[in-house]
Amino acid sequence: NMSNFKYKKYDILDMWSNFKGVEVSA
């Protein structure tokens, strides 16, 4: 639902940068 990119200690944009690809369907 695109409401949160940070959760607890995690920054999802930083984590996504490690992967082969990321498909985000809003």
mmCIF file of all heavy atoms, coordinates in Angstrom:
data_MODEL
# 
_entry.id   MODEL 
# 
loop_
_atom_site.group_PDB 
_atom_site.id 
_atom_site.type_symbol 
_atom_site.label_atom_id 
_atom_site.label_alt_id 
_atom_site.label_comp_id 
_atom_site.label_asym_id 
_atom_site.label_entity_id 
_atom_site.label_seq_id 
_atom_site.pdbx_PDB_ins_code 
_atom_site.Cartn_x 
_atom_site.Cartn_y 
_atom_site.Cartn_z 
_atom_site.occupancy 
_atom_site.B_iso_or_equiv 
_atom_site.pdbx_formal_charge 
_atom_site.auth_seq_id 
_atom_site.auth_comp_id 
_atom_site.auth_asym_id 
_atom_site.auth_atom_id 
_atom_site.pdbx_PDB_model_num 
ATOM 1   N N   . ASN A 1 1  ? 0.806  -1.217  0.000   1.00 0.00 ? 1  ASN A N   1 
ATOM 2   C CA  . ASN A 1 1  ? 0.000  0.000   0.000   1.00 0.00 ? 1  ASN A CA  1 
ATOM 3   C C   . ASN A 1 1  ? 0.845  1.275   0.000   1.00 0.00 ? 1  ASN A C   1 
ATOM 4   O O   . ASN A 1 1  ? 0.302  2.379   0.043   1.00 0.00 ? 1  ASN A O   1 
ATOM 5   C CB  . ASN A 1 1  ? -0.996 0.007   1.164   1.00 0.00 ? 1  ASN A CB  1 
ATOM 6   C CG  . ASN A 1 1  ? -0.331 -0.079  2.537   1.00 0.00 ? 1  ASN A CG  1 
ATOM 7   O OD1 . ASN A 1 1  ? 0.748  0.457   2.767   1.00 0.00 ? 1  ASN A OD1 1 
ATOM 8   N ND2 . ASN A 1 1  ? -0.994 -0.761  3.469   1.00 0.00 ? 1  ASN A ND2 1 
ATOM 9   N N   . MET A 1 2  ? 2.160  1.119   -0.021  1.00 0.00 ? 2  MET A N   1 
ATOM 10  C CA  . MET A 1 2  ? 3.095  2.241   -0.193  1.00 0.00 ? 2  MET A CA  1 
ATOM 11  C C   . MET A 1 2  ? 3.096  3.213   0.991   1.00 0.00 ? 2  MET A C   1 
ATOM 12  O O   . MET A 1 2  ? 3.488  4.364   0.859   1.00 0.00 ? 2  MET A O   1 
ATOM 13  C CB  . MET A 1 2  ? 2.776  3.016   -1.482  1.00 0.00 ? 2  MET A CB  1 
ATOM 14  C CG  . MET A 1 2  ? 2.885  2.213   -2.745  1.00 0.00 ? 2  MET A CG  1 
ATOM 15  S SD  . MET A 1 2  ? 4.572  1.674   -3.085  1.00 0.00 ? 2  MET A SD  1 
ATOM 16  C CE  . MET A 1 2  ? 5.389  3.231   -3.364  1.00 0.00 ? 2  MET A CE  1 
ATOM 17  N N   . SER A 1 3  ? 2.716  2.749   2.163   1.00 0.00 ? 3  SER A N   1 
ATOM 18  C CA  . SER A 1 3  ? 2.616  3.661   3.302   1.00 0.00 ? 3  SER A CA  1 
ATOM 19  C C   . SER A 1 3  ? 3.874  3.706   4.162   1.00 0.00 ? 3  SER A C   1 
ATOM 20  O O   . SER A 1 3  ? 4.111  4.698   4.858   1.00 0.00 ? 3  SER A O   1 
ATOM 21  C CB  . SER A 1 3  ? 1.422  3.270   4.183   1.00 0.00 ? 3  SER A CB  1 
ATOM 22  O OG  . SER A 1 3  ? 1.594  1.962   4.721   1.00 0.00 ? 3  SER A OG  1 
ATOM 23  N N   . ASN A 1 4  ? 4.700  2.632   4.126   1.00 0.00 ? 4  ASN A N   1 
ATOM 24  C CA  . ASN A 1 4  ? 5.864  2.553   5.015   1.00 0.00 ? 4  ASN A CA  1 
ATOM 25  C C   . ASN A 1 4  ? 7.093  2.009   4.295   1.00 0.00 ? 4  ASN A C   1 
ATOM 26  O O   . ASN A 1 4  ? 7.065  0.878   3.812   1.00 0.00 ? 4  ASN A O   1 
ATOM 27  C CB  . ASN A 1 4  ? 5.565  1.621   6.195   1.00 0.00 ? 4  ASN A CB  1 
ATOM 28  C CG  . ASN A 1 4  ? 4.623  2.228   7.198   1.00 0.00 ? 4  ASN A CG  1 
ATOM 29  O OD1 . ASN A 1 4  ? 5.013  3.032   8.019   1.00 0.00 ? 4  ASN A OD1 1 
ATOM 30  N ND2 . ASN A 1 4  ? 3.349  1.846   7.118   1.00 0.00 ? 4  ASN A ND2 1 
ATOM 31  N N   . PHE A 1 5  ? 8.156  2.788   4.253   1.00 0.00 ? 5  PHE A N   1 
ATOM 32  C CA  . PHE A 1 5  ? 9.427  2.302   3.724   1.00 0.00 ? 5  PHE A CA  1 
ATOM 33  C C   . PHE A 1 5  ? 10.447 2.066   4.837   1.00 0.00 ? 5  PHE A C   1 
ATOM 34  O O   . PHE A 1 5  ? 11.542 1.563   4.580   1.00 0.00 ? 5  PHE A O   1 
ATOM 35  C CB  . PHE A 1 5  ? 10.004 3.284   2.702   1.00 0.00 ? 5  PHE A CB  1 
ATOM 36  C CG  . PHE A 1 5  ? 9.334  3.206   1.346   1.00 0.00 ? 5  PHE A CG  1 
ATOM 37  C CD1 . PHE A 1 5  ? 9.614  4.139   0.377   1.00 0.00 ? 5  PHE A CD1 1 
ATOM 38  C CD2 . PHE A 1 5  ? 8.433  2.203   1.053   1.00 0.00 ? 5  PHE A CD2 1 
ATOM 39  C CE1 . PHE A 1 5  ? 9.013  4.071   -0.883  1.00 0.00 ? 5  PHE A CE1 1 
ATOM 40  C CE2 . PHE A 1 5  ? 7.822  2.119   -0.189  1.00 0.00 ? 5  PHE A CE2 1 
ATOM 41  C CZ  . PHE A 1 5  ? 8.115  3.061   -1.155  1.00 0.00 ? 5  PHE A CZ  1 
ATOM 42  N N   . LYS A 1 6  ? 10.084 2.450   6.056   1.00 0.00 ? 6  LYS A N   1 
ATOM 43  C CA  . LYS A 1 6  ? 10.939 2.189   7.207   1.00 0.00 ? 6  LYS A CA  1 
ATOM 44  C C   . LYS A 1 6  ? 10.113 1.508   8.284   1.00 0.00 ? 6  LYS A C   1 
ATOM 45  O O   . LYS A 1 6  ? 9.000  1.936   8.595   1.00 0.00 ? 6  LYS A O   1 
ATOM 46  C CB  . LYS A 1 6  ? 11.555 3.485   7.729   1.00 0.00 ? 6  LYS A CB  1 
ATOM 47  C CG  . LYS A 1 6  ? 12.562 4.094   6.759   1.00 0.00 ? 6  LYS A CG  1 
ATOM 48  C CD  . LYS A 1 6  ? 13.259 5.313   7.340   1.00 0.00 ? 6  LYS A CD  1 
ATOM 49  C CE  . LYS A 1 6  ? 14.289 5.860   6.348   1.00 0.00 ? 6  LYS A CE  1 
ATOM 50  N NZ  . LYS A 1 6  ? 14.996 7.050   6.888   1.00 0.00 ? 6  LYS A NZ  1 
ATOM 51  N N   . TYR A 1 7  ? 10.671 0.424   8.848   1.00 0.00 ? 7  TYR A N   1 
ATOM 52  C CA  . TYR A 1 7  ? 9.957  -0.369  9.847   1.00 0.00 ? 7  TYR A CA  1 
ATOM 53  C C   . TYR A 1 7  ? 10.955 -0.870  10.879  1.00 0.00 ? 7  TYR A C   1 
ATOM 54  O O   . TYR A 1 7  ? 11.938 -1.538  10.524  1.00 0.00 ? 7  TYR A O   1 
ATOM 55  C CB  . TYR A 1 7  ? 9.254  -1.545  9.165   1.00 0.00 ? 7  TYR A CB  1 
ATOM 56  C CG  . TYR A 1 7  ? 8.583  -2.513  10.115  1.00 0.00 ? 7  TYR A CG  1 
ATOM 57  C CD1 . TYR A 1 7  ? 7.418  -2.167  10.783  1.00 0.00 ? 7  TYR A CD1 1 
ATOM 58  C CD2 . TYR A 1 7  ? 9.115  -3.783  10.323  1.00 0.00 ? 7  TYR A CD2 1 
ATOM 59  C CE1 . TYR A 1 7  ? 6.793  -3.052  11.645  1.00 0.00 ? 7  TYR A CE1 1 
ATOM 60  C CE2 . TYR A 1 7  ? 8.499  -4.686  11.191  1.00 0.00 ? 7  TYR A CE2 1 
ATOM 61  C CZ  . TYR A 1 7  ? 7.343  -4.312  11.848  1.00 0.00 ? 7  TYR A CZ  1 
ATOM 62  O OH  . TYR A 1 7  ? 6.726  -5.190  12.716  1.00 0.00 ? 7  TYR A OH  1 
ATOM 63  N N   . LYS A 1 8  ? 10.741 -0.493  12.139  1.00 0.00 ? 8  LYS A N   1 
ATOM 64  C CA  . LYS A 1 8  ? 11.664 -0.857  13.218  1.00 0.00 ? 8  LYS A CA  1 
ATOM 65  C C   . LYS A 1 8  ? 13.082 -0.440  12.819  1.00 0.00 ? 8  LYS A C   1 
ATOM 66  O O   . LYS A 1 8  ? 13.313 0.718   12.505  1.00 0.00 ? 8  LYS A O   1 
ATOM 67  C CB  . LYS A 1 8  ? 11.535 -2.337  13.551  1.00 0.00 ? 8  LYS A CB  1 
ATOM 68  C CG  . LYS A 1 8  ? 10.154 -2.710  14.106  1.00 0.00 ? 8  LYS A CG  1 
ATOM 69  C CD  . LYS A 1 8  ? 10.067 -4.163  14.516  1.00 0.00 ? 8  LYS A CD  1 
ATOM 70  C CE  . LYS A 1 8  ? 8.693  -4.482  15.114  1.00 0.00 ? 8  LYS A CE  1 
ATOM 71  N NZ  . LYS A 1 8  ? 8.568  -5.895  15.523  1.00 0.00 ? 8  LYS A NZ  1 
ATOM 72  N N   . LYS A 1 9  ? 14.014 -1.381  12.783  1.00 0.00 ? 9  LYS A N   1 
ATOM 73  C CA  . LYS A 1 9  ? 15.408 -1.027  12.446  1.00 0.00 ? 9  LYS A CA  1 
ATOM 74  C C   . LYS A 1 9  ? 15.675 -1.065  10.944  1.00 0.00 ? 9  LYS A C   1 
ATOM 75  O O   . LYS A 1 9  ? 16.798 -0.786  10.502  1.00 0.00 ? 9  LYS A O   1 
ATOM 76  C CB  . LYS A 1 9  ? 16.372 -1.980  13.145  1.00 0.00 ? 9  LYS A CB  1 
ATOM 77  C CG  . LYS A 1 9  ? 16.280 -3.421  12.641  1.00 0.00 ? 9  LYS A CG  1 
ATOM 78  C CD  . LYS A 1 9  ? 17.308 -4.315  13.327  1.00 0.00 ? 9  LYS A CD  1 
ATOM 79  C CE  . LYS A 1 9  ? 17.248 -5.752  12.791  1.00 0.00 ? 9  LYS A CE  1 
ATOM 80  N NZ  . LYS A 1 9  ? 18.268 -6.629  13.403  1.00 0.00 ? 9  LYS A NZ  1 
ATOM 81  N N   . TYR A 1 10 ? 14.668 -1.395  10.151  1.00 0.00 ? 10 TYR A N   1 
ATOM 82  C CA  . TYR A 1 10 ? 14.899 -1.678  8.741   1.00 0.00 ? 10 TYR A CA  1 
ATOM 83  C C   . TYR A 1 10 ? 14.561 -0.489  7.835   1.00 0.00 ? 10 TYR A C   1 
ATOM 84  O O   . TYR A 1 10 ? 13.553 0.183   8.012   1.00 0.00 ? 10 TYR A O   1 
ATOM 85  C CB  . TYR A 1 10 ? 14.037 -2.873  8.303   1.00 0.00 ? 10 TYR A CB  1 
ATOM 86  C CG  . TYR A 1 10 ? 14.270 -4.121  9.113   1.00 0.00 ? 10 TYR A CG  1 
ATOM 87  C CD1 . TYR A 1 10 ? 13.322 -4.550  10.050  1.00 0.00 ? 10 TYR A CD1 1 
ATOM 88  C CD2 . TYR A 1 10 ? 15.426 -4.877  8.955   1.00 0.00 ? 10 TYR A CD2 1 
ATOM 89  C CE1 . TYR A 1 10 ? 13.532 -5.699  10.800  1.00 0.00 ? 10 TYR A CE1 1 
ATOM 90  C CE2 . TYR A 1 10 ? 15.649 -6.027  9.701   1.00 0.00 ? 10 TYR A CE2 1 
ATOM 91  C CZ  . TYR A 1 10 ? 14.694 -6.431  10.619  1.00 0.00 ? 10 TYR A CZ  1 
ATOM 92  O OH  . TYR A 1 10 ? 14.896 -7.563  11.367  1.00 0.00 ? 10 TYR A OH  1 
ATOM 93  N N   . ASP A 1 11 ? 15.416 -0.290  6.852   1.00 0.00 ? 11 ASP A N   1 
ATOM 94  C CA  . ASP A 1 11 ? 15.145 0.635   5.755   1.00 0.00 ? 11 ASP A CA  1 
ATOM 95  C C   . ASP A 1 11 ? 15.032 -0.220  4.503   1.00 0.00 ? 11 ASP A C   1 
ATOM 96  O O   . ASP A 1 11 ? 16.027 -0.757  4.005   1.00 0.00 ? 11 ASP A O   1 
ATOM 97  C CB  . ASP A 1 11 ? 16.278 1.662   5.621   1.00 0.00 ? 11 ASP A CB  1 
ATOM 98  C CG  . ASP A 1 11 ? 15.989 2.718   4.566   1.00 0.00 ? 11 ASP A CG  1 
ATOM 99  O OD1 . ASP A 1 11 ? 15.457 2.368   3.501   1.00 0.00 ? 11 ASP A OD1 1 
ATOM 100 O OD2 . ASP A 1 11 ? 16.299 3.900   4.811   1.00 0.00 ? 11 ASP A OD2 1 
ATOM 101 N N   . ILE A 1 12 ? 13.816 -0.358  3.999   1.00 0.00 ? 12 ILE A N   1 
ATOM 102 C CA  . ILE A 1 12 ? 13.583 -1.332  2.931   1.00 0.00 ? 12 ILE A CA  1 
ATOM 103 C C   . ILE A 1 12 ? 14.309 -0.958  1.645   1.00 0.00 ? 12 ILE A C   1 
ATOM 104 O O   . ILE A 1 12 ? 14.759 -1.843  0.902   1.00 0.00 ? 12 ILE A O   1 
ATOM 105 C CB  . ILE A 1 12 ? 12.062 -1.520  2.680   1.00 0.00 ? 12 ILE A CB  1 
ATOM 106 C CG1 . ILE A 1 12 ? 11.819 -2.749  1.802   1.00 0.00 ? 12 ILE A CG1 1 
ATOM 107 C CG2 . ILE A 1 12 ? 11.447 -0.278  2.067   1.00 0.00 ? 12 ILE A CG2 1 
ATOM 108 C CD1 . ILE A 1 12 ? 12.310 -4.045  2.383   1.00 0.00 ? 12 ILE A CD1 1 
ATOM 109 N N   . LEU A 1 13 ? 14.477 0.319   1.366   1.00 0.00 ? 13 LEU A N   1 
ATOM 110 C CA  . LEU A 1 13 ? 15.186 0.710   0.146   1.00 0.00 ? 13 LEU A CA  1 
ATOM 111 C C   . LEU A 1 13 ? 16.636 0.246   0.193   1.00 0.00 ? 13 LEU A C   1 
ATOM 112 O O   . LEU A 1 13 ? 17.194 -0.195  -0.822  1.00 0.00 ? 13 LEU A O   1 
ATOM 113 C CB  . LEU A 1 13 ? 15.102 2.221   -0.061  1.00 0.00 ? 13 LEU A CB  1 
ATOM 114 C CG  . LEU A 1 13 ? 13.709 2.786   -0.353  1.00 0.00 ? 13 LEU A CG  1 
ATOM 115 C CD1 . LEU A 1 13 ? 13.773 4.294   -0.507  1.00 0.00 ? 13 LEU A CD1 1 
ATOM 116 C CD2 . LEU A 1 13 ? 13.110 2.152   -1.591  1.00 0.00 ? 13 LEU A CD2 1 
ATOM 117 N N   . ASP A 1 14 ? 17.269 0.334   1.360   1.00 0.00 ? 14 ASP A N   1 
ATOM 118 C CA  . ASP A 1 14 ? 18.641 -0.155  1.512   1.00 0.00 ? 14 ASP A CA  1 
ATOM 119 C C   . ASP A 1 14 ? 18.697 -1.668  1.307   1.00 0.00 ? 14 ASP A C   1 
ATOM 120 O O   . ASP A 1 14 ? 19.610 -2.186  0.647   1.00 0.00 ? 14 ASP A O   1 
ATOM 121 C CB  . ASP A 1 14 ? 19.184 0.195   2.897   1.00 0.00 ? 14 ASP A CB  1 
ATOM 122 C CG  . ASP A 1 14 ? 19.520 1.672   3.045   1.00 0.00 ? 14 ASP A CG  1 
ATOM 123 O OD1 . ASP A 1 14 ? 19.606 2.358   2.011   1.00 0.00 ? 14 ASP A OD1 1 
ATOM 124 O OD2 . ASP A 1 14 ? 19.681 2.127   4.189   1.00 0.00 ? 14 ASP A OD2 1 
ATOM 125 N N   . MET A 1 15 ? 17.727 -2.399  1.859   1.00 0.00 ? 15 MET A N   1 
ATOM 126 C CA  . MET A 1 15 ? 17.723 -3.855  1.733   1.00 0.00 ? 15 MET A CA  1 
ATOM 127 C C   . MET A 1 15 ? 17.480 -4.269  0.286   1.00 0.00 ? 15 MET A C   1 
ATOM 128 O O   . MET A 1 15 ? 18.138 -5.187  -0.229  1.00 0.00 ? 15 MET A O   1 
ATOM 129 C CB  . MET A 1 15 ? 16.658 -4.460  2.649   1.00 0.00 ? 15 MET A CB  1 
ATOM 130 C CG  . MET A 1 15 ? 16.885 -4.189  4.129   1.00 0.00 ? 15 MET A CG  1 
ATOM 131 S SD  . MET A 1 15 ? 15.705 -5.026  5.213   1.00 0.00 ? 15 MET A SD  1 
ATOM 132 C CE  . MET A 1 15 ? 16.440 -6.676  5.290   1.00 0.00 ? 15 MET A CE  1 
ATOM 133 N N   . TRP A 1 16 ? 16.577 -3.601  -0.391  1.00 0.00 ? 16 TRP A N   1 
ATOM 134 C CA  . TRP A 1 16 ? 16.262 -3.949  -1.778  1.00 0.00 ? 16 TRP A CA  1 
ATOM 135 C C   . TRP A 1 16 ? 17.472 -3.817  -2.696  1.00 0.00 ? 16 TRP A C   1 
ATOM 136 O O   . TRP A 1 16 ? 17.586 -4.534  -3.691  1.00 0.00 ? 16 TRP A O   1 
ATOM 137 C CB  . TRP A 1 16 ? 15.134 -3.055  -2.291  1.00 0.00 ? 16 TRP A CB  1 
ATOM 138 C CG  . TRP A 1 16 ? 13.770 -3.451  -1.798  1.00 0.00 ? 16 TRP A CG  1 
ATOM 139 C CD1 . TRP A 1 16 ? 13.413 -4.636  -1.211  1.00 0.00 ? 16 TRP A CD1 1 
ATOM 140 C CD2 . TRP A 1 16 ? 12.581 -2.658  -1.853  1.00 0.00 ? 16 TRP A CD2 1 
ATOM 141 N NE1 . TRP A 1 16 ? 12.069 -4.626  -0.892  1.00 0.00 ? 16 TRP A NE1 1 
ATOM 142 C CE2 . TRP A 1 16 ? 11.539 -3.429  -1.275  1.00 0.00 ? 16 TRP A CE2 1 
ATOM 143 C CE3 . TRP A 1 16 ? 12.291 -1.380  -2.330  1.00 0.00 ? 16 TRP A CE3 1 
ATOM 144 C CZ2 . TRP A 1 16 ? 10.227 -2.949  -1.180  1.00 0.00 ? 16 TRP A CZ2 1 
ATOM 145 C CZ3 . TRP A 1 16 ? 10.990 -0.906  -2.230  1.00 0.00 ? 16 TRP A CZ3 1 
ATOM 146 C CH2 . TRP A 1 16 ? 9.970  -1.686  -1.668  1.00 0.00 ? 16 TRP A CH2 1 
ATOM 147 N N   . SER A 1 17 ? 18.373 -2.913  -2.377  1.00 0.00 ? 17 SER A N   1 
ATOM 148 C CA  . SER A 1 17 ? 19.522 -2.661  -3.261  1.00 0.00 ? 17 SER A CA  1 
ATOM 149 C C   . SER A 1 17 ? 20.437 -3.873  -3.380  1.00 0.00 ? 17 SER A C   1 
ATOM 150 O O   . SER A 1 17 ? 21.300 -3.917  -4.270  1.00 0.00 ? 17 SER A O   1 
ATOM 151 C CB  . SER A 1 17 ? 20.313 -1.451  -2.757  1.00 0.00 ? 17 SER A CB  1 
ATOM 152 O OG  . SER A 1 17 ? 20.925 -1.727  -1.497  1.00 0.00 ? 17 SER A OG  1 
ATOM 153 N N   . ASN A 1 18 ? 20.274 -4.876  -2.507  1.00 0.00 ? 18 ASN A N   1 
ATOM 154 C CA  . ASN A 1 18 ? 21.124 -6.072  -2.540  1.00 0.00 ? 18 ASN A CA  1 
ATOM 155 C C   . ASN A 1 18 ? 20.629 -7.141  -3.507  1.00 0.00 ? 18 ASN A C   1 
ATOM 156 O O   . ASN A 1 18 ? 21.362 -8.099  -3.781  1.00 0.00 ? 18 ASN A O   1 
ATOM 157 C CB  . ASN A 1 18 ? 21.197 -6.689  -1.133  1.00 0.00 ? 18 ASN A CB  1 
ATOM 158 C CG  . ASN A 1 18 ? 21.907 -5.801  -0.129  1.00 0.00 ? 18 ASN A CG  1 
ATOM 159 O OD1 . ASN A 1 18 ? 23.133 -5.729  -0.109  1.00 0.00 ? 18 ASN A OD1 1 
ATOM 160 N ND2 . ASN A 1 18 ? 21.138 -5.102  0.693   1.00 0.00 ? 18 ASN A ND2 1 
ATOM 161 N N   . PHE A 1 19 ? 19.419 -7.002  -4.032  1.00 0.00 ? 19 PHE A N   1 
ATOM 162 C CA  . PHE A 1 19 ? 18.787 -8.097  -4.763  1.00 0.00 ? 19 PHE A CA  1 
ATOM 163 C C   . PHE A 1 19 ? 18.933 -7.971  -6.279  1.00 0.00 ? 19 PHE A C   1 
ATOM 164 O O   . PHE A 1 19 ? 19.191 -6.881  -6.816  1.00 0.00 ? 19 PHE A O   1 
ATOM 165 C CB  . PHE A 1 19 ? 17.318 -8.186  -4.369  1.00 0.00 ? 19 PHE A CB  1 
ATOM 166 C CG  . PHE A 1 19 ? 17.123 -8.775  -2.997  1.00 0.00 ? 19 PHE A CG  1 
ATOM 167 C CD1 . PHE A 1 19 ? 17.266 -7.992  -1.863  1.00 0.00 ? 19 PHE A CD1 1 
ATOM 168 C CD2 . PHE A 1 19 ? 16.853 -10.129 -2.843  1.00 0.00 ? 19 PHE A CD2 1 
ATOM 169 C CE1 . PHE A 1 19 ? 17.120 -8.539  -0.590  1.00 0.00 ? 19 PHE A CE1 1 
ATOM 170 C CE2 . PHE A 1 19 ? 16.705 -10.685 -1.580  1.00 0.00 ? 19 PHE A CE2 1 
ATOM 171 C CZ  . PHE A 1 19 ? 16.837 -9.895  -0.456  1.00 0.00 ? 19 PHE A CZ  1 
ATOM 172 N N   . LYS A 1 20 ? 18.764 -9.116  -6.938  1.00 0.00 ? 20 LYS A N   1 
ATOM 173 C CA  . LYS A 1 20 ? 18.837 -9.162  -8.395  1.00 0.00 ? 20 LYS A CA  1 
ATOM 174 C C   . LYS A 1 20 ? 17.863 -8.183  -9.019  1.00 0.00 ? 20 LYS A C   1 
ATOM 175 O O   . LYS A 1 20 ? 18.169 -7.506  -10.005 1.00 0.00 ? 20 LYS A O   1 
ATOM 176 C CB  . LYS A 1 20 ? 18.536 -10.587 -8.879  1.00 0.00 ? 20 LYS A CB  1 
ATOM 177 C CG  . LYS A 1 20 ? 18.512 -10.750 -10.389 1.00 0.00 ? 20 LYS A CG  1 
ATOM 178 C CD  . LYS A 1 20 ? 18.146 -12.184 -10.763 1.00 0.00 ? 20 LYS A CD  1 
ATOM 179 C CE  . LYS A 1 20 ? 18.058 -12.346 -12.277 1.00 0.00 ? 20 LYS A CE  1 
ATOM 180 N NZ  . LYS A 1 20 ? 17.683 -13.754 -12.650 1.00 0.00 ? 20 LYS A NZ  1 
ATOM 181 N N   . GLY A 1 21 ? 16.671 -8.128  -8.473  1.00 0.00 ? 21 GLY A N   1 
ATOM 182 C CA  . GLY A 1 21 ? 15.644 -7.221  -8.971  1.00 0.00 ? 21 GLY A CA  1 
ATOM 183 C C   . GLY A 1 21 ? 14.538 -7.086  -7.949  1.00 0.00 ? 21 GLY A C   1 
ATOM 184 O O   . GLY A 1 21 ? 14.363 -7.944  -7.085  1.00 0.00 ? 21 GLY A O   1 
ATOM 185 N N   . VAL A 1 22 ? 13.797 -6.004  -8.056  1.00 0.00 ? 22 VAL A N   1 
ATOM 186 C CA  . VAL A 1 22 ? 12.674 -5.769  -7.161  1.00 0.00 ? 22 VAL A CA  1 
ATOM 187 C C   . VAL A 1 22 ? 11.506 -5.240  -7.991  1.00 0.00 ? 22 VAL A C   1 
ATOM 188 O O   . VAL A 1 22 ? 11.653 -4.248  -8.716  1.00 0.00 ? 22 VAL A O   1 
ATOM 189 C CB  . VAL A 1 22 ? 13.018 -4.745  -6.053  1.00 0.00 ? 22 VAL A CB  1 
ATOM 190 C CG1 . VAL A 1 22 ? 11.828 -4.563  -5.111  1.00 0.00 ? 22 VAL A CG1 1 
ATOM 191 C CG2 . VAL A 1 22 ? 14.251 -5.179  -5.276  1.00 0.00 ? 22 VAL A CG2 1 
ATOM 192 N N   . GLU A 1 23 ? 10.375 -5.933  -7.912  1.00 0.00 ? 23 GLU A N   1 
ATOM 193 C CA  . GLU A 1 23 ? 9.157  -5.493  -8.583  1.00 0.00 ? 23 GLU A CA  1 
ATOM 194 C C   . GLU A 1 23 ? 8.189  -4.992  -7.515  1.00 0.00 ? 23 GLU A C   1 
ATOM 195 O O   . GLU A 1 23 ? 7.722  -5.768  -6.684  1.00 0.00 ? 23 GLU A O   1 
ATOM 196 C CB  . GLU A 1 23 ? 8.523  -6.647  -9.364  1.00 0.00 ? 23 GLU A CB  1 
ATOM 197 C CG  . GLU A 1 23 ? 9.427  -7.249  -10.430 1.00 0.00 ? 23 GLU A CG  1 
ATOM 198 C CD  . GLU A 1 23 ? 8.838  -8.513  -11.053 1.00 0.00 ? 23 GLU A CD  1 
ATOM 199 O OE1 . GLU A 1 23 ? 7.670  -8.839  -10.731 1.00 0.00 ? 23 GLU A OE1 1 
ATOM 200 O OE2 . GLU A 1 23 ? 9.527  -9.164  -11.844 1.00 0.00 ? 23 GLU A OE2 1 
ATOM 201 N N   . VAL A 1 24 ? 7.922  -3.707  -7.524  1.00 0.00 ? 24 VAL A N   1 
ATOM 202 C CA  . VAL A 1 24 ? 7.025  -3.116  -6.537  1.00 0.00 ? 24 VAL A CA  1 
ATOM 203 C C   . VAL A 1 24 ? 5.722  -2.745  -7.226  1.00 0.00 ? 24 VAL A C   1 
ATOM 204 O O   . VAL A 1 24 ? 5.681  -1.845  -8.075  1.00 0.00 ? 24 VAL A O   1 
ATOM 205 C CB  . VAL A 1 24 ? 7.647  -1.870  -5.877  1.00 0.00 ? 24 VAL A CB  1 
ATOM 206 C CG1 . VAL A 1 24 ? 6.663  -1.259  -4.872  1.00 0.00 ? 24 VAL A CG1 1 
ATOM 207 C CG2 . VAL A 1 24 ? 8.949  -2.233  -5.188  1.00 0.00 ? 24 VAL A CG2 1 
ATOM 208 N N   . SER A 1 25 ? 4.675  -3.458  -6.867  1.00 0.00 ? 25 SER A N   1 
ATOM 209 C CA  . SER A 1 25 ? 3.352  -3.175  -7.418  1.00 0.00 ? 25 SER A CA  1 
ATOM 210 C C   . SER A 1 25 ? 2.564  -2.398  -6.369  1.00 0.00 ? 25 SER A C   1 
ATOM 211 O O   . SER A 1 25 ? 2.182  -2.939  -5.332  1.00 0.00 ? 25 SER A O   1 
ATOM 212 C CB  . SER A 1 25 ? 2.629  -4.479  -7.773  1.00 0.00 ? 25 SER A CB  1 
ATOM 213 O OG  . SER A 1 25 ? 1.402  -4.209  -8.423  1.00 0.00 ? 25 SER A OG  1 
ATOM 214 N N   . ALA A 1 26 ? 2.372  -1.125  -6.635  1.00 0.00 ? 26 ALA A N   1 
ATOM 215 C CA  . ALA A 1 26 ? 1.662  -0.250  -5.698  1.00 0.00 ? 26 ALA A CA  1 
ATOM 216 C C   . ALA A 1 26 ? 0.162  -0.468  -5.833  1.00 0.00 ? 26 ALA A C   1 
ATOM 217 O O   . ALA A 1 26 ? -0.388 -0.371  -6.929  1.00 0.00 ? 26 ALA A O   1 
ATOM 218 C CB  . ALA A 1 26 ? 2.015  1.206   -5.988  1.00 0.00 ? 26 ALA A CB  1 
# 
